[in-house]
Amino acid sequence: QVQLVESGGGLVQPGGSLRLSCVASGSTLSMLEMGWYRQAPGKQRELVARISRYGNTEYGDPVKGRFTISRVNAQNTVDLQMNNLKPEDTAVYYCKAVTIVTGDNYWGQGTQVTVSS
């Protein structure tokens, strides 16, 4: 069983920055594929960014060039640096882990990000 706890959400003005963190427990981070997803009201959950155990990254088109995902295996942490935030980035952001061996999916409880002036 993998537990994920997100932090770092909040209210920020357009053009500002936030850094989200996800701490995993119950498994070593090196055995997990990790990702950040978001869900805005009335919309489907969508990929923001994900990172493989080897550090390969993939980003959703809306955030390319603005967001950066990184992982520190020794700290069981995956971060999402969000720059040049836009109102359309407003959503609940979820951390997701996929175990490499079994393919099981785990989700965090979510953290709210609101971009507004």
Protein backbone atom coordinates (compact mmCIF):
# COMPACT_ATOMS: atom_id res chain seq x y z
CA GLN A 1 0.00 0.00 0.00
CA VAL A 2 1.32 3.39 -1.01
CA GLN A 3 0.28 6.60 0.72
CA LEU A 4 0.70 9.99 -0.97
CA VAL A 5 0.49 13.37 0.71
CA GLU A 6 0.50 16.58 -1.34
CA SER A 7 1.30 20.07 -0.12
CA GLY A 8 2.06 23.49 -1.49
CA GLY A 9 -1.21 24.58 -3.03
CA GLY A 10 -2.76 27.99 -2.48
CA LEU A 11 -3.85 31.25 -4.03
CA VAL A 12 -1.51 33.04 -6.42
CA GLN A 13 -1.84 35.90 -8.86
CA PRO A 14 -1.52 35.37 -12.61
CA GLY A 15 2.13 35.20 -13.58
CA GLY A 16 3.12 33.92 -10.18
CA SER A 17 4.71 30.65 -9.11
CA LEU A 18 3.94 27.77 -6.80
CA ARG A 19 5.76 24.58 -5.91
CA LEU A 20 3.81 21.44 -5.08
CA SER A 21 5.34 18.51 -3.23
CA CYS A 22 4.22 14.91 -2.94
CA VAL A 23 5.69 12.63 -0.31
CA ALA A 24 5.27 8.89 -0.81
CA SER A 25 5.32 6.27 1.91
CA GLY A 26 4.80 2.53 1.88
CA SER A 27 7.16 1.98 -1.03
CA THR A 28 10.49 3.25 -2.19
CA LEU A 29 10.14 5.99 -4.77
CA SER A 30 12.49 4.22 -7.14
CA MET A 31 9.82 1.52 -7.59
CA LEU A 32 7.15 4.01 -8.62
CA GLU A 33 6.20 5.93 -11.71
CA MET A 34 4.99 9.30 -10.44
CA GLY A 35 2.78 11.99 -11.84
CA TRP A 36 0.71 15.09 -11.22
CA TYR A 37 -2.81 15.41 -12.53
CA ARG A 38 -5.41 18.13 -12.12
CA GLN A 39 -9.14 18.48 -12.21
CA ALA A 40 -11.03 21.72 -12.64
CA PRO A 41 -14.75 22.04 -11.82
CA GLY A 42 -16.86 20.45 -14.53
CA LYS A 43 -13.84 19.03 -16.34
CA GLN A 44 -12.17 15.66 -16.57
CA ARG A 45 -8.98 14.93 -14.70
CA GLU A 46 -5.99 15.55 -16.96
CA LEU A 47 -2.30 14.85 -17.00
CA VAL A 48 -0.09 17.71 -15.88
CA ALA A 49 3.27 15.93 -15.80
CA ARG A 50 4.76 12.56 -15.04
CA ILE A 51 8.21 11.20 -14.43
CA SER A 52 9.55 7.70 -14.78
CA ARG A 53 11.78 5.92 -12.33
CA TYR A 54 14.66 6.82 -14.65
CA GLY A 55 13.76 10.51 -14.70
CA ASN A 56 12.10 10.64 -18.12
CA THR A 57 9.41 13.30 -18.15
CA GLU A 58 6.21 14.00 -20.02
CA TYR A 59 4.04 17.13 -19.84
CA GLY A 60 0.53 18.01 -20.82
CA ASP A 61 0.38 20.52 -23.66
CA PRO A 62 -1.16 23.36 -21.56
CA VAL A 63 1.78 23.42 -19.15
CA LYS A 64 4.76 22.77 -21.42
CA GLY A 65 7.49 25.32 -20.89
CA ARG A 66 5.97 26.55 -17.62
CA PHE A 67 5.92 23.57 -15.27
CA THR A 68 8.75 21.26 -14.23
CA ILE A 69 8.44 17.91 -12.50
CA SER A 70 11.31 16.47 -10.51
CA ARG A 71 11.91 13.65 -8.09
CA VAL A 72 14.31 12.95 -5.25
CA ASN A 73 14.27 9.23 -4.64
CA ALA A 74 16.27 9.45 -1.46
CA GLN A 75 13.56 11.67 0.04
CA ASN A 76 10.61 9.84 -1.52
CA THR A 77 9.48 13.20 -2.90
CA VAL A 78 8.17 14.39 -6.23
CA ASP A 79 7.83 18.11 -6.82
CA LEU A 80 6.02 20.20 -9.39
CA GLN A 81 7.40 23.69 -9.99
CA MET A 82 4.74 25.86 -11.60
CA ASN A 83 5.77 29.18 -13.15
CA ASN A 84 3.87 31.82 -15.07
CA LEU A 85 0.59 30.55 -13.69
CA LYS A 86 -2.61 31.38 -15.51
CA PRO A 87 -6.23 31.47 -14.33
CA GLU A 88 -6.89 28.34 -16.39
CA ASP A 89 -4.41 26.47 -14.18
CA THR A 90 -6.92 26.71 -11.34
CA ALA A 91 -7.78 23.18 -10.27
CA VAL A 92 -7.29 20.54 -7.63
CA TYR A 93 -3.91 18.95 -8.22
CA TYR A 94 -3.43 15.26 -7.45
CA CYS A 95 -0.29 13.22 -7.04
CA LYS A 96 -0.39 9.75 -8.57
CA ALA A 97 1.87 6.76 -8.13
CA VAL A 98 1.97 3.59 -10.20
CA THR A 99 3.86 0.63 -8.85
CA ILE A 100 6.26 -0.70 -11.44
CA VAL A 101 5.90 -4.35 -10.50
CA THR A 102 2.09 -4.67 -10.23
CA GLY A 103 0.79 -1.59 -12.07
CA ASP A 104 -1.42 -0.56 -9.15
CA ASN A 105 -2.51 3.11 -9.08
CA TYR A 106 -2.53 5.28 -5.96
CA TRP A 107 -3.77 8.85 -5.56
CA GLY A 108 -3.19 11.56 -3.03
CA GLN A 109 -6.00 13.59 -1.49
CA GLY A 110 -5.38 16.59 -3.72
CA THR A 111 -4.33 20.18 -3.13
CA GLN A 112 -6.15 23.25 -4.40
CA VAL A 113 -4.39 25.71 -6.67
CA THR A 114 -6.21 28.95 -7.42
CA VAL A 115 -4.83 31.52 -9.83
CA SER A 116 -6.68 34.78 -9.55
CA SER A 117 -6.09 38.49 -9.22
